[in-house]
Amino acid sequence: PPAPHAAPAVAGTVLAVDDEPEDATGRPAVRIAPPPFEGSVLPAADVAASVPAPDEVDDDDVIPPADDELDRPVPPVVVPRMAPLRGGVQRYGEAVVRQMLGANYVRDEPYEPPTRFN
C-alpha cells in the first residue's frame, strides 16, 4: 500500500524532479548559420524613387528654423486696484441682497433632496 503522505499517482507521464538544480549542466546552444545572402545591393544612382516627390510643399511638413534670439519672458501685466467703495470691500450676503432688492420674507421652503428614482 502507498504511504499515507505520498501524493496520489497521476495517470500519464511522470516528470523527473531535480533535487539540486545547481548540479544540472546546461547544453551549449547549437549555433545555426544565417541563410546565405541572395542578391546584391544596387548603387544609389541605379535606384529610382518609388513615390514621386510632391509638387507643392505643405507648410505643416516644414520645420521652421530655430530662432537665434531666445524668447524672453513676458513681463507681468500690472492692473491697478479698484478703490474701495464706501470705505471697505463690498461683499453682500443673501440677507443684504434681499434687503437691497426690497424682498419680503414669506416662509421657509423645506428642502427635499432628489432621490434616485425622481
PDB file of N, CA and C in Angstrom:
ATOM      1  N   PRO A   1       0.833  -1.185   0.000  1.00  0.00           N
ATOM      2  CA  PRO A   1       0.000   0.000   0.000  1.00  0.00           C
ATOM      3  C   PRO A   1       0.875   1.245   0.000  1.00  0.00           C
ATOM      4  N   PRO A   2       0.391   2.325  -0.645  1.00  0.00           N
ATOM      5  CA  PRO A   2       1.209   3.548  -0.698  1.00  0.00           C
ATOM      6  C   PRO A   2       1.275   4.209   0.673  1.00  0.00           C
ATOM      7  N   ALA A   3       2.314   4.983   0.844  1.00  0.00           N
ATOM      8  CA  ALA A   3       2.493   5.686   2.122  1.00  0.00           C
ATOM      9  C   ALA A   3       1.387   6.722   2.277  1.00  0.00           C
ATOM     10  N   PRO A   4       0.935   6.987   3.519  1.00  0.00           N
ATOM     11  CA  PRO A   4      -0.178   7.927   3.701  1.00  0.00           C
ATOM     12  C   PRO A   4       0.171   9.362   3.305  1.00  0.00           C
ATOM     13  N   HIS A   5       1.437   9.748   3.322  1.00  0.00           N
ATOM     14  CA  HIS A   5       1.808  11.120   2.980  1.00  0.00           C
ATOM     15  C   HIS A   5       2.204  11.260   1.514  1.00  0.00           C
ATOM     16  N   ALA A   6       2.194  10.188   0.758  1.00  0.00           N
ATOM     17  CA  ALA A   6       2.604  10.240  -0.647  1.00  0.00           C
ATOM     18  C   ALA A   6       1.475  10.822  -1.488  1.00  0.00           C
ATOM     19  N   ALA A   7       1.854  11.506  -2.565  1.00  0.00           N
ATOM     20  CA  ALA A   7       0.863  12.095  -3.474  1.00  0.00           C
ATOM     21  C   ALA A   7       0.232  10.986  -4.289  1.00  0.00           C
ATOM     22  N   PRO A   8      -1.031  11.140  -4.666  1.00  0.00           N
ATOM     23  CA  PRO A   8      -1.663  10.096  -5.463  1.00  0.00           C
ATOM     24  C   PRO A   8      -1.001   9.988  -6.830  1.00  0.00           C
ATOM     25  N   ALA A   9      -0.988   8.806  -7.358  1.00  0.00           N
ATOM     26  CA  ALA A   9      -0.364   8.567  -8.653  1.00  0.00           C
ATOM     27  C   ALA A   9      -1.202   9.213  -9.743  1.00  0.00           C
ATOM     28  N   VAL A  10      -0.532   9.873 -10.665  1.00  0.00           N
ATOM     29  CA  VAL A  10      -1.214  10.548 -11.766  1.00  0.00           C
ATOM     30  C   VAL A  10      -1.019   9.704 -13.007  1.00  0.00           C
ATOM     31  N   ALA A  11      -2.111   9.478 -13.695  1.00  0.00           N
ATOM     32  CA  ALA A  11      -2.012   8.696 -14.921  1.00  0.00           C
ATOM     33  C   ALA A  11      -1.295   9.528 -15.967  1.00  0.00           C
ATOM     34  N   GLY A  12      -0.457   8.924 -16.746  1.00  0.00           N
ATOM     35  CA  GLY A  12       0.260   9.648 -17.798  1.00  0.00           C
ATOM     36  C   GLY A  12       1.740   9.630 -17.508  1.00  0.00           C
ATOM     37  N   THR A  13       2.428  10.653 -17.994  1.00  0.00           N
ATOM     38  CA  THR A  13       3.881  10.687 -17.840  1.00  0.00           C
ATOM     39  C   THR A  13       4.257  11.172 -16.448  1.00  0.00           C
ATOM     40  N   VAL A  14       5.351  10.663 -15.972  1.00  0.00           N
ATOM     41  CA  VAL A  14       5.868  11.064 -14.677  1.00  0.00           C
ATOM     42  C   VAL A  14       7.047  11.991 -14.938  1.00  0.00           C
ATOM     43  N   LEU A  15       7.013  13.174 -14.312  1.00  0.00           N
ATOM     44  CA  LEU A  15       8.081  14.142 -14.523  1.00  0.00           C
ATOM     45  C   LEU A  15       9.160  13.944 -13.480  1.00  0.00           C
ATOM     46  N   ALA A  16      10.401  14.057 -13.921  1.00  0.00           N
ATOM     47  CA  ALA A  16      11.519  13.915 -13.002  1.00  0.00           C
ATOM     48  C   ALA A  16      11.716  15.226 -12.254  1.00  0.00           C
ATOM     49  N   VAL A  17      12.071  15.120 -10.983  1.00  0.00           N
ATOM     50  CA  VAL A  17      12.310  16.296 -10.164  1.00  0.00           C
ATOM     51  C   VAL A  17      13.787  16.352  -9.854  1.00  0.00           C
ATOM     52  N   ASP A  18      14.388  17.518 -10.120  1.00  0.00           N
ATOM     53  CA  ASP A  18      15.807  17.698  -9.836  1.00  0.00           C
ATOM     54  C   ASP A  18      15.925  18.280  -8.436  1.00  0.00           C
ATOM     55  N   ASP A  19      16.460  17.501  -7.515  1.00  0.00           N
ATOM     56  CA  ASP A  19      16.568  17.962  -6.137  1.00  0.00           C
ATOM     57  C   ASP A  19      17.605  19.066  -5.982  1.00  0.00           C
ATOM     58  N   GLU A  20      18.641  19.040  -6.773  1.00  0.00           N
ATOM     59  CA  GLU A  20      19.705  20.029  -6.666  1.00  0.00           C
ATOM     60  C   GLU A  20      19.922  20.667  -8.037  1.00  0.00           C
ATOM     61  N   PRO A  21      19.235  21.766  -8.339  1.00  0.00           N
ATOM     62  CA  PRO A  21      19.325  22.352  -9.676  1.00  0.00           C
ATOM     63  C   PRO A  21      20.700  22.922  -9.993  1.00  0.00           C
ATOM     64  N   GLU A  22      21.491  23.280  -8.963  1.00  0.00           N
ATOM     65  CA  GLU A  22      22.813  23.838  -9.276  1.00  0.00           C
ATOM     66  C   GLU A  22      23.745  22.789  -9.868  1.00  0.00           C
ATOM     67  N   ASP A  23      23.434  21.512  -9.661  1.00  0.00           N
ATOM     68  CA  ASP A  23      24.260  20.459 -10.234  1.00  0.00           C
ATOM     69  C   ASP A  23      23.917  20.205 -11.692  1.00  0.00           C
ATOM     70  N   ALA A  24      22.797  20.728 -12.143  1.00  0.00           N
ATOM     71  CA  ALA A  24      22.391  20.478 -13.523  1.00  0.00           C
ATOM     72  C   ALA A  24      23.300  21.260 -14.461  1.00  0.00           C
ATOM     73  N   THR A  25      23.658  20.634 -15.532  1.00  0.00           N
ATOM     74  CA  THR A  25      24.505  21.306 -16.521  1.00  0.00           C
ATOM     75  C   THR A  25      23.678  21.569 -17.761  1.00  0.00           C
ATOM     76  N   GLY A  26      23.833  22.766 -18.278  1.00  0.00           N
ATOM     77  CA  GLY A  26      23.093  23.127 -19.477  1.00  0.00           C
ATOM     78  C   GLY A  26      23.847  22.722 -20.725  1.00  0.00           C
ATOM     79  N   ARG A  27      23.086  22.420 -21.748  1.00  0.00           N
ATOM     80  CA  ARG A  27      23.716  22.072 -23.014  1.00  0.00           C
ATOM     81  C   ARG A  27      24.090  23.355 -23.744  1.00  0.00           C
ATOM     82  N   PRO A  28      25.243  23.389 -24.368  1.00  0.00           N
ATOM     83  CA  PRO A  28      25.583  24.588 -25.146  1.00  0.00           C
ATOM     84  C   PRO A  28      24.600  24.724 -26.316  1.00  0.00           C
ATOM     85  N   ALA A  29      24.204  25.951 -26.577  1.00  0.00           N
ATOM     86  CA  ALA A  29      23.248  26.195 -27.657  1.00  0.00           C
ATOM     87  C   ALA A  29      23.905  25.925 -29.004  1.00  0.00           C
ATOM     88  N   VAL A  30      23.164  25.272 -29.845  1.00  0.00           N
ATOM     89  CA  VAL A  30      23.674  24.962 -31.173  1.00  0.00           C
ATOM     90  C   VAL A  30      23.528  26.213 -32.026  1.00  0.00           C
ATOM     91  N   ARG A  31      24.624  26.661 -32.603  1.00  0.00           N
ATOM     92  CA  ARG A  31      24.586  27.856 -33.436  1.00  0.00           C
ATOM     93  C   ARG A  31      24.176  27.463 -34.846  1.00  0.00           C
ATOM     94  N   ILE A  32      23.209  28.219 -35.340  1.00  0.00           N
ATOM     95  CA  ILE A  32      22.730  27.976 -36.694  1.00  0.00           C
ATOM     96  C   ILE A  32      23.221  29.123 -37.556  1.00  0.00           C
ATOM     97  N   ALA A  33      23.830  28.801 -38.649  1.00  0.00           N
ATOM     98  CA  ALA A  33      24.356  29.826 -39.552  1.00  0.00           C
ATOM     99  C   ALA A  33      23.191  30.538 -40.236  1.00  0.00           C
ATOM    100  N   PRO A  34      23.309  31.851 -40.443  1.00  0.00           N
ATOM    101  CA  PRO A  34      22.243  32.559 -41.146  1.00  0.00           C
ATOM    102  C   PRO A  34      22.169  32.086 -42.593  1.00  0.00           C
ATOM    103  N   PRO A  35      21.018  32.249 -43.211  1.00  0.00           N
ATOM    104  CA  PRO A  35      20.918  31.808 -44.601  1.00  0.00           C
ATOM    105  C   PRO A  35      21.864  32.622 -45.480  1.00  0.00           C
ATOM    106  N   PRO A  36      22.343  32.019 -46.526  1.00  0.00           N
ATOM    107  CA  PRO A  36      23.277  32.751 -47.391  1.00  0.00           C
ATOM    108  C   PRO A  36      22.580  33.968 -48.003  1.00  0.00           C
ATOM    109  N   PHE A  37      23.334  35.064 -48.160  1.00  0.00           N
ATOM    110  CA  PHE A  37      22.798  36.308 -48.703  1.00  0.00           C
ATOM    111  C   PHE A  37      22.546  36.123 -50.187  1.00  0.00           C
ATOM    112  N   GLU A  38      21.330  36.461 -50.592  1.00  0.00           N
ATOM    113  CA  GLU A  38      20.984  36.339 -52.007  1.00  0.00           C
ATOM    114  C   GLU A  38      20.788  37.724 -52.587  1.00  0.00           C
ATOM    115  N   GLY A  39      21.313  37.969 -53.749  1.00  0.00           N
ATOM    116  CA  GLY A  39      21.139  39.250 -54.422  1.00  0.00           C
ATOM    117  C   GLY A  39      22.299  40.175 -54.121  1.00  0.00           C
ATOM    118  N   SER A  40      22.206  41.369 -54.677  1.00  0.00           N
ATOM    119  CA  SER A  40      23.262  42.349 -54.472  1.00  0.00           C
ATOM    120  C   SER A  40      22.627  43.706 -54.198  1.00  0.00           C
ATOM    121  N   VAL A  41      23.410  44.604 -53.643  1.00  0.00           N
ATOM    122  CA  VAL A  41      22.944  45.943 -53.326  1.00  0.00           C
ATOM    123  C   VAL A  41      23.198  46.831 -54.528  1.00  0.00           C
ATOM    124  N   LEU A  42      22.139  47.524 -54.958  1.00  0.00           N
ATOM    125  CA  LEU A  42      22.271  48.408 -56.111  1.00  0.00           C
ATOM    126  C   LEU A  42      22.907  49.722 -55.694  1.00  0.00           C
ATOM    127  N   PRO A  43      23.683  50.332 -56.576  1.00  0.00           N
ATOM    128  CA  PRO A  43      24.210  51.660 -56.265  1.00  0.00           C
ATOM    129  C   PRO A  43      23.071  52.677 -56.245  1.00  0.00           C
ATOM    130  N   ALA A  44      23.247  53.760 -55.500  1.00  0.00           N
ATOM    131  CA  ALA A  44      22.186  54.751 -55.339  1.00  0.00           C
ATOM    132  C   ALA A  44      21.773  55.369 -56.667  1.00  0.00           C
ATOM    133  N   ALA A  45      22.684  55.476 -57.625  1.00  0.00           N
ATOM    134  CA  ALA A  45      22.352  56.081 -58.925  1.00  0.00           C
ATOM    135  C   ALA A  45      21.381  55.206 -59.712  1.00  0.00           C
ATOM    136  N   ASP A  46      21.377  53.903 -59.476  1.00  0.00           N
ATOM    137  CA  ASP A  46      20.507  52.997 -60.225  1.00  0.00           C
ATOM    138  C   ASP A  46      19.125  52.842 -59.595  1.00  0.00           C
ATOM    139  N   VAL A  47      18.922  53.386 -58.395  1.00  0.00           N
ATOM    140  CA  VAL A  47      17.654  53.211 -57.699  1.00  0.00           C
ATOM    141  C   VAL A  47      16.724  54.366 -58.063  1.00  0.00           C
ATOM    142  N   ALA A  48      15.506  54.025 -58.530  1.00  0.00           N
ATOM    143  CA  ALA A  48      14.510  55.046 -58.868  1.00  0.00           C
ATOM    144  C   ALA A  48      13.570  55.217 -57.680  1.00  0.00           C
ATOM    145  N   ALA A  49      13.081  56.432 -57.485  1.00  0.00           N
ATOM    146  CA  ALA A  49      12.149  56.699 -56.390  1.00  0.00           C
ATOM    147  C   ALA A  49      10.836  55.986 -56.660  1.00  0.00           C
ATOM    148  N   SER A  50      10.286  55.323 -55.644  1.00  0.00           N
ATOM    149  CA  SER A  50       9.036  54.594 -55.832  1.00  0.00           C
ATOM    150  C   SER A  50       7.835  55.518 -55.758  1.00  0.00           C
ATOM    151  N   VAL A  51       7.986  56.658 -55.084  1.00  0.00           N
ATOM    152  CA  VAL A  51       6.905  57.634 -54.969  1.00  0.00           C
ATOM    153  C   VAL A  51       7.438  58.962 -55.489  1.00  0.00           C
ATOM    154  N   PRO A  52       6.729  59.586 -56.425  1.00  0.00           N
ATOM    155  CA  PRO A  52       7.237  60.867 -56.937  1.00  0.00           C
ATOM    156  C   PRO A  52       7.176  61.949 -55.859  1.00  0.00           C
ATOM    157  N   ALA A  53       8.077  62.898 -55.943  1.00  0.00           N
ATOM    158  CA  ALA A  53       8.108  63.998 -54.982  1.00  0.00           C
ATOM    159  C   ALA A  53       6.887  64.884 -55.191  1.00  0.00           C
ATOM    160  N   PRO A  54       6.294  65.415 -54.122  1.00  0.00           N
ATOM    161  CA  PRO A  54       5.107  66.261 -54.288  1.00  0.00           C
ATOM    162  C   PRO A  54       5.462  67.581 -54.967  1.00  0.00           C
ATOM    163  N   ASP A  55       4.495  68.102 -55.758  1.00  0.00           N
ATOM    164  CA  ASP A  55       4.718  69.367 -56.452  1.00  0.00           C
ATOM    165  C   ASP A  55       4.699  70.533 -55.467  1.00  0.00           C
ATOM    166  N   GLU A  56       3.753  70.500 -54.524  1.00  0.00           N
ATOM    167  CA  GLU A  56       3.648  71.568 -53.538  1.00  0.00           C
ATOM    168  C   GLU A  56       4.138  71.048 -52.190  1.00  0.00           C
ATOM    169  N   VAL A  57       4.784  71.920 -51.467  1.00  0.00           N
ATOM    170  CA  VAL A  57       5.260  71.555 -50.137  1.00  0.00           C
ATOM    171  C   VAL A  57       4.251  72.090 -49.134  1.00  0.00           C
ATOM    172  N   ASP A  58       3.723  71.201 -48.320  1.00  0.00           N
ATOM    173  CA  ASP A  58       2.743  71.594 -47.308  1.00  0.00           C
ATOM    174  C   ASP A  58       3.462  72.325 -46.176  1.00  0.00           C
ATOM    175  N   ASP A  59       2.890  73.441 -45.730  1.00  0.00           N
ATOM    176  CA  ASP A  59       3.520  74.223 -44.663  1.00  0.00           C
ATOM    177  C   ASP A  59       3.609  73.438 -43.359  1.00  0.00           C
ATOM    178  N   ASP A  60       2.697  72.500 -43.154  1.00  0.00           N
ATOM    179  CA  ASP A  60       2.719  71.723 -41.919  1.00  0.00           C
ATOM    180  C   ASP A  60       3.914  70.781 -41.860  1.00  0.00           C
ATOM    181  N   ASP A  61       4.451  70.425 -43.025  1.00  0.00           N
ATOM    182  CA  ASP A  61       5.563  69.485 -43.060  1.00  0.00           C
ATOM    183  C   ASP A  61       6.915  70.165 -42.897  1.00  0.00           C
ATOM    184  N   VAL A  62       6.961  71.494 -43.031  1.00  0.00           N
ATOM    185  CA  VAL A  62       8.223  72.216 -42.972  1.00  0.00           C
ATOM    186  C   VAL A  62       8.501  72.616 -41.530  1.00  0.00           C
ATOM    187  N   ILE A  63       9.681  72.304 -41.070  1.00  0.00           N
ATOM    188  CA  ILE A  63      10.081  72.676 -39.718  1.00  0.00           C
ATOM    189  C   ILE A  63      10.664  74.078 -39.787  1.00  0.00           C
ATOM    190  N   PRO A  64      10.127  75.008 -39.001  1.00  0.00           N
ATOM    191  CA  PRO A  64      10.653  76.377 -39.062  1.00  0.00           C
ATOM    192  C   PRO A  64      12.069  76.434 -38.508  1.00  0.00           C
ATOM    193  N   PRO A  65      12.865  77.385 -38.996  1.00  0.00           N
ATOM    194  CA  PRO A  65      14.235  77.495 -38.478  1.00  0.00           C
ATOM    195  C   PRO A  65      14.220  77.935 -37.017  1.00  0.00           C
ATOM    196  N   ALA A  66      15.239  77.539 -36.310  1.00  0.00           N
ATOM    197  CA  ALA A  66      15.322  77.888 -34.891  1.00  0.00           C
ATOM    198  C   ALA A  66      15.603  79.375 -34.754  1.00  0.00           C
ATOM    199  N   ASP A  67      14.983  80.003 -33.771  1.00  0.00           N
ATOM    200  CA  ASP A  67      15.222  81.421 -33.528  1.00  0.00           C
ATOM    201  C   ASP A  67      16.615  81.601 -32.949  1.00  0.00           C
ATOM    202  N   ASP A  68      17.293  82.631 -33.453  1.00  0.00           N
ATOM    203  CA  ASP A  68      18.617  82.925 -32.909  1.00  0.00           C
ATOM    204  C   ASP A  68      18.502  83.552 -31.528  1.00  0.00           C
ATOM    205  N   GLU A  69      17.449  84.334 -31.337  1.00  0.00           N
ATOM    206  CA  GLU A  69      17.255  85.026 -30.068  1.00  0.00           C
ATOM    207  C   GLU A  69      16.314  84.205 -29.192  1.00  0.00           C
ATOM    208  N   LEU A  70      16.699  84.024 -27.957  1.00  0.00           N
ATOM    209  CA  LEU A  70      15.853  83.275 -27.041  1.00  0.00           C
ATOM    210  C   LEU A  70      14.613  84.089 -26.709  1.00  0.00           C
ATOM    211  N   ASP A  71      13.512  83.397 -26.495  1.00  0.00           N
ATOM    212  CA  ASP A  71      12.281  84.079 -26.116  1.00  0.00           C
ATOM    213  C   ASP A  71      12.418  84.592 -24.689  1.00  0.00           C
ATOM    214  N   ARG A  72      12.182  85.868 -24.541  1.00  0.00           N
ATOM    215  CA  ARG A  72      12.232  86.456 -23.210  1.00  0.00           C
ATOM    216  C   ARG A  72      10.872  86.286 -22.556  1.00  0.00           C
ATOM    217  N   PRO A  73      10.842  86.152 -21.238  1.00  0.00           N
ATOM    218  CA  PRO A  73       9.534  86.029 -20.578  1.00  0.00           C
ATOM    219  C   PRO A  73       8.758  87.340 -20.693  1.00  0.00           C
ATOM    220  N   VAL A  74       7.463  87.209 -20.837  1.00  0.00           N
ATOM    221  CA  VAL A  74       6.598  88.372 -20.951  1.00  0.00           C
ATOM    222  C   VAL A  74       6.467  89.001 -19.570  1.00  0.00           C
ATOM    223  N   PRO A  75       6.663  90.324 -19.479  1.00  0.00           N
ATOM    224  CA  PRO A  75       6.526  90.945 -18.154  1.00  0.00           C
ATOM    225  C   PRO A  75       5.082  90.866 -17.683  1.00  0.00           C
ATOM    226  N   PRO A  76       4.885  90.734 -16.377  1.00  0.00           N
ATOM    227  CA  PRO A  76       3.511  90.618 -15.876  1.00  0.00           C
ATOM    228  C   PRO A  76       2.749  91.928 -16.077  1.00  0.00           C
ATOM    229  N   VAL A  77       1.457  91.789 -16.318  1.00  0.00           N
ATOM    230  CA  VAL A  77       0.603  92.954 -16.501  1.00  0.00           C
ATOM    231  C   VAL A  77       0.151  93.419 -15.123  1.00  0.00           C
ATOM    232  N   VAL A  78       0.421  94.678 -14.830  1.00  0.00           N
ATOM    233  CA  VAL A  78       0.044  95.235 -13.539  1.00  0.00           C
ATOM    234  C   VAL A  78      -1.266  95.980 -13.723  1.00  0.00           C
ATOM    235  N   VAL A  79      -2.285  95.533 -13.010  1.00  0.00           N
ATOM    236  CA  VAL A  79      -3.597  96.164 -13.084  1.00  0.00           C
ATOM    237  C   VAL A  79      -3.794  96.950 -11.799  1.00  0.00           C
ATOM    238  N   PRO A  80      -4.141  98.237 -11.913  1.00  0.00           N
ATOM    239  CA  PRO A  80      -4.350  98.998 -10.676  1.00  0.00           C
ATOM    240  C   PRO A  80      -5.581  98.495  -9.934  1.00  0.00           C
ATOM    241  N   ARG A  81      -5.483  98.473  -8.621  1.00  0.00           N
ATOM    242  CA  ARG A  81      -6.607  98.008  -7.808  1.00  0.00           C
ATOM    243  C   ARG A  81      -7.718  99.040  -7.832  1.00  0.00           C
ATOM    244  N   MET A  82      -8.925  98.533  -7.772  1.00  0.00           N
ATOM    245  CA  MET A  82     -10.069  99.435  -7.717  1.00  0.00           C
ATOM    246  C   MET A  82     -10.166 100.025  -6.316  1.00  0.00           C
ATOM    247  N   ALA A  83     -10.526 101.278  -6.261  1.00  0.00           N
ATOM    248  CA  ALA A  83     -10.665 101.938  -4.967  1.00  0.00           C
ATOM    249  C   ALA A  83     -11.863 101.346  -4.234  1.00  0.00           C
ATOM    250  N   PRO A  84     -11.728 101.082  -2.929  1.00  0.00           N
ATOM    251  CA  PRO A  84     -12.857 100.518  -2.183  1.00  0.00           C
ATOM    252  C   PRO A  84     -14.021 101.509  -2.139  1.00  0.00           C
ATOM    253  N   LEU A  85     -15.206 100.964  -2.296  1.00  0.00           N
ATOM    254  CA  LEU A  85     -16.411 101.788  -2.279  1.00  0.00           C
ATOM    255  C   LEU A  85     -16.933 101.907  -0.856  1.00  0.00           C
ATOM    256  N   ARG A  86     -17.366 103.070  -0.472  1.00  0.00           N
ATOM    257  CA  ARG A  86     -17.957 103.352   0.842  1.00  0.00           C
ATOM    258  C   ARG A  86     -17.080 102.863   1.997  1.00  0.00           C
ATOM    259  N   GLY A  87     -15.793 102.991   1.837  1.00  0.00           N
ATOM    260  CA  GLY A  87     -14.896 102.713   2.949  1.00  0.00           C
ATOM    261  C   GLY A  87     -14.554 101.262   3.189  1.00  0.00           C
ATOM    262  N   GLY A  88     -14.814 100.337   2.281  1.00  0.00           N
ATOM    263  CA  GLY A  88     -14.426  98.951   2.509  1.00  0.00           C
ATOM    264  C   GLY A  88     -14.756  98.069   1.322  1.00  0.00           C
ATOM    265  N   VAL A  89     -14.364  96.819   1.413  1.00  0.00           N
ATOM    266  CA  VAL A  89     -14.639  95.852   0.361  1.00  0.00           C
ATOM    267  C   VAL A  89     -16.118  95.514   0.403  1.00  0.00           C
ATOM    268  N   GLN A  90     -16.751  95.536  -0.742  1.00  0.00           N
ATOM    269  CA  GLN A  90     -18.187  95.286  -0.793  1.00  0.00           C
ATOM    270  C   GLN A  90     -18.443  93.799  -1.005  1.00  0.00           C
ATOM    271  N   ARG A  91     -18.932  93.165   0.021  1.00  0.00           N
ATOM    272  CA  ARG A  91     -19.335  91.761  -0.063  1.00  0.00           C
ATOM    273  C   ARG A  91     -20.743  91.682   0.478  1.00  0.00           C
ATOM    274  N   TYR A  92     -21.607  91.081  -0.277  1.00  0.00           N
ATOM    275  CA  TYR A  92     -23.009  91.026   0.118  1.00  0.00           C
ATOM    276  C   TYR A  92     -23.426  89.584   0.342  1.00  0.00           C
ATOM    277  N   GLY A  93     -24.053  89.326   1.445  1.00  0.00           N
ATOM    278  CA  GLY A  93     -24.640  88.030   1.706  1.00  0.00           C
ATOM    279  C   GLY A  93     -26.065  87.998   1.201  1.00  0.00           C
ATOM    280  N   GLU A  94     -26.695  86.859   1.353  1.00  0.00           N
ATOM    281  CA  GLU A  94     -28.065  86.688   0.856  1.00  0.00           C
ATOM    282  C   GLU A  94     -29.032  87.661   1.520  1.00  0.00           C
ATOM    283  N   ALA A  95     -28.890  87.890   2.810  1.00  0.00           N
ATOM    284  CA  ALA A  95     -29.811  88.788   3.524  1.00  0.00           C
ATOM    285  C   ALA A  95     -29.660  90.225   3.039  1.00  0.00           C
ATOM    286  N   VAL A  96     -28.428  90.667   2.770  1.00  0.00           N
ATOM    287  CA  VAL A  96     -28.203  92.031   2.297  1.00  0.00           C
ATOM    288  C   VAL A  96     -28.785  92.208   0.909  1.00  0.00           C
ATOM    289  N   VAL A  97     -28.627  91.220   0.058  1.00  0.00           N
ATOM    290  CA  VAL A  97     -29.185  91.302  -1.295  1.00  0.00           C
ATOM    291  C   VAL A  97     -30.700  91.379  -1.216  1.00  0.00           C
ATOM    292  N   ARG A  98     -31.304  90.585  -0.353  1.00  0.00           N
ATOM    293  CA  ARG A  98     -32.766  90.655  -0.195  1.00  0.00           C
ATOM    294  C   ARG A  98     -33.195  92.058   0.237  1.00  0.00           C
ATOM    295  N   GLN A  99     -32.463  92.639   1.183  1.00  0.00           N
ATOM    296  CA  GLN A  99     -32.813  93.966   1.685  1.00  0.00           C
ATOM    297  C   GLN A  99     -32.649  95.020   0.595  1.00  0.00           C
ATOM    298  N   MET A 100     -31.559  94.929  -0.187  1.00  0.00           N
ATOM    299  CA  MET A 100     -31.331  95.917  -1.244  1.00  0.00           C
ATOM    300  C   MET A 100     -32.387  95.811  -2.337  1.00  0.00           C
ATOM    301  N   LEU A 101     -32.869  94.611  -2.587  1.00  0.00           N
ATOM    302  CA  LEU A 101     -33.887  94.426  -3.626  1.00  0.00           C
ATOM    303  C   LEU A 101     -35.292  94.668  -3.096  1.00  0.00           C
ATOM    304  N   GLY A 102     -35.427  94.853  -1.799  1.00  0.00           N
ATOM    305  CA  GLY A 102     -36.741  95.089  -1.221  1.00  0.00           C
ATOM    306  C   GLY A 102     -37.584  93.837  -1.118  1.00  0.00           C
ATOM    307  N   ALA A 103     -36.947  92.696  -0.971  1.00  0.00           N
ATOM    308  CA  ALA A 103     -37.692  91.440  -0.880  1.00  0.00           C
ATOM    309  C   ALA A 103     -38.241  91.268   0.520  1.00  0.00           C
ATOM    310  N   ASN A 104     -39.428  90.686   0.627  1.00  0.00           N
ATOM    311  CA  ASN A 104     -40.064  90.428   1.918  1.00  0.00           C
ATOM    312  C   ASN A 104     -40.005  88.935   2.226  1.00  0.00           C
ATOM    313  N   TYR A 105     -39.741  88.604   3.504  1.00  0.00           N
ATOM    314  CA  TYR A 105     -39.704  87.209   3.933  1.00  0.00           C
ATOM    315  C   TYR A 105     -41.112  86.652   3.930  1.00  0.00           C
ATOM    316  N   VAL A 106     -41.314  85.544   3.270  1.00  0.00           N
ATOM    317  CA  VAL A 106     -42.631  84.912   3.223  1.00  0.00           C
ATOM    318  C   VAL A 106     -42.638  83.679   4.111  1.00  0.00           C
ATOM    319  N   ARG A 107     -41.791  82.698   3.800  1.00  0.00           N
ATOM    320  CA  ARG A 107     -41.742  81.464   4.584  1.00  0.00           C
ATOM    321  C   ARG A 107     -40.491  80.668   4.189  1.00  0.00           C
ATOM    322  N   ASP A 108     -40.139  79.722   5.009  1.00  0.00           N
ATOM    323  CA  ASP A 108     -39.058  78.789   4.682  1.00  0.00           C
ATOM    324  C   ASP A 108     -39.635  77.668   3.848  1.00  0.00           C
ATOM    325  N   GLU A 109     -38.933  77.308   2.811  1.00  0.00           N
ATOM    326  CA  GLU A 109     -39.341  76.174   1.980  1.00  0.00           C
ATOM    327  C   GLU A 109     -38.541  74.959   2.425  1.00  0.00           C
ATOM    328  N   PRO A 110     -39.210  73.841   2.707  1.00  0.00           N
ATOM    329  CA  PRO A 110     -38.449  72.641   3.098  1.00  0.00           C
ATOM    330  C   PRO A 110     -37.651  72.115   1.904  1.00  0.00           C
ATOM    331  N   TYR A 111     -36.455  71.679   2.201  1.00  0.00           N
ATOM    332  CA  TYR A 111     -35.595  71.137   1.148  1.00  0.00           C
ATOM    333  C   TYR A 111     -35.747  69.626   1.123  1.00  0.00           C
ATOM    334  N   GLU A 112     -36.084  69.108  -0.035  1.00  0.00           N
ATOM    335  CA  GLU A 112     -36.190  67.665  -0.220  1.00  0.00           C
ATOM    336  C   GLU A 112     -35.159  67.263  -1.263  1.00  0.00           C
ATOM    337  N   PRO A 113     -34.113  66.600  -0.830  1.00  0.00           N
ATOM    338  CA  PRO A 113     -33.090  66.220  -1.803  1.00  0.00           C
ATOM    339  C   PRO A 113     -33.665  65.235  -2.813  1.00  0.00           C
ATOM    340  N   PRO A 114     -33.220  65.327  -4.054  1.00  0.00           N
ATOM    341  CA  PRO A 114     -33.731  64.398  -5.060  1.00  0.00           C
ATOM    342  C   PRO A 114     -33.328  62.964  -4.718  1.00  0.00           C
ATOM    343  N   THR A 115     -34.250  62.067  -4.974  1.00  0.00           N
ATOM    344  CA  THR A 115     -33.960  60.660  -4.726  1.00  0.00           C
ATOM    345  C   THR A 115     -33.461  60.027  -6.008  1.00  0.00           C
ATOM    346  N   ARG A 116     -33.083  58.810  -5.892  1.00  0.00           N
ATOM    347  CA  ARG A 116     -32.542  58.097  -7.039  1.00  0.00           C
ATOM    348  C   ARG A 116     -33.603  57.869  -8.109  1.00  0.00           C
ATOM    349  N   PHE A 117     -34.865  57.815  -7.718  1.00  0.00           N
ATOM    350  CA  PHE A 117     -35.923  57.462  -8.663  1.00  0.00           C
ATOM    351  C   PHE A 117     -36.714  58.668  -9.133  1.00  0.00           C
ATOM    352  N   ASN A 118     -36.375  59.886  -8.696  1.00  0.00           N
ATOM    353  CA  ASN A 118     -37.098  61.085  -9.160  1.00  0.00           C
ATOM    354  C   ASN A 118     -36.474  61.629 -10.410  1.00  0.00           C
TER     355      ASN A 118
END
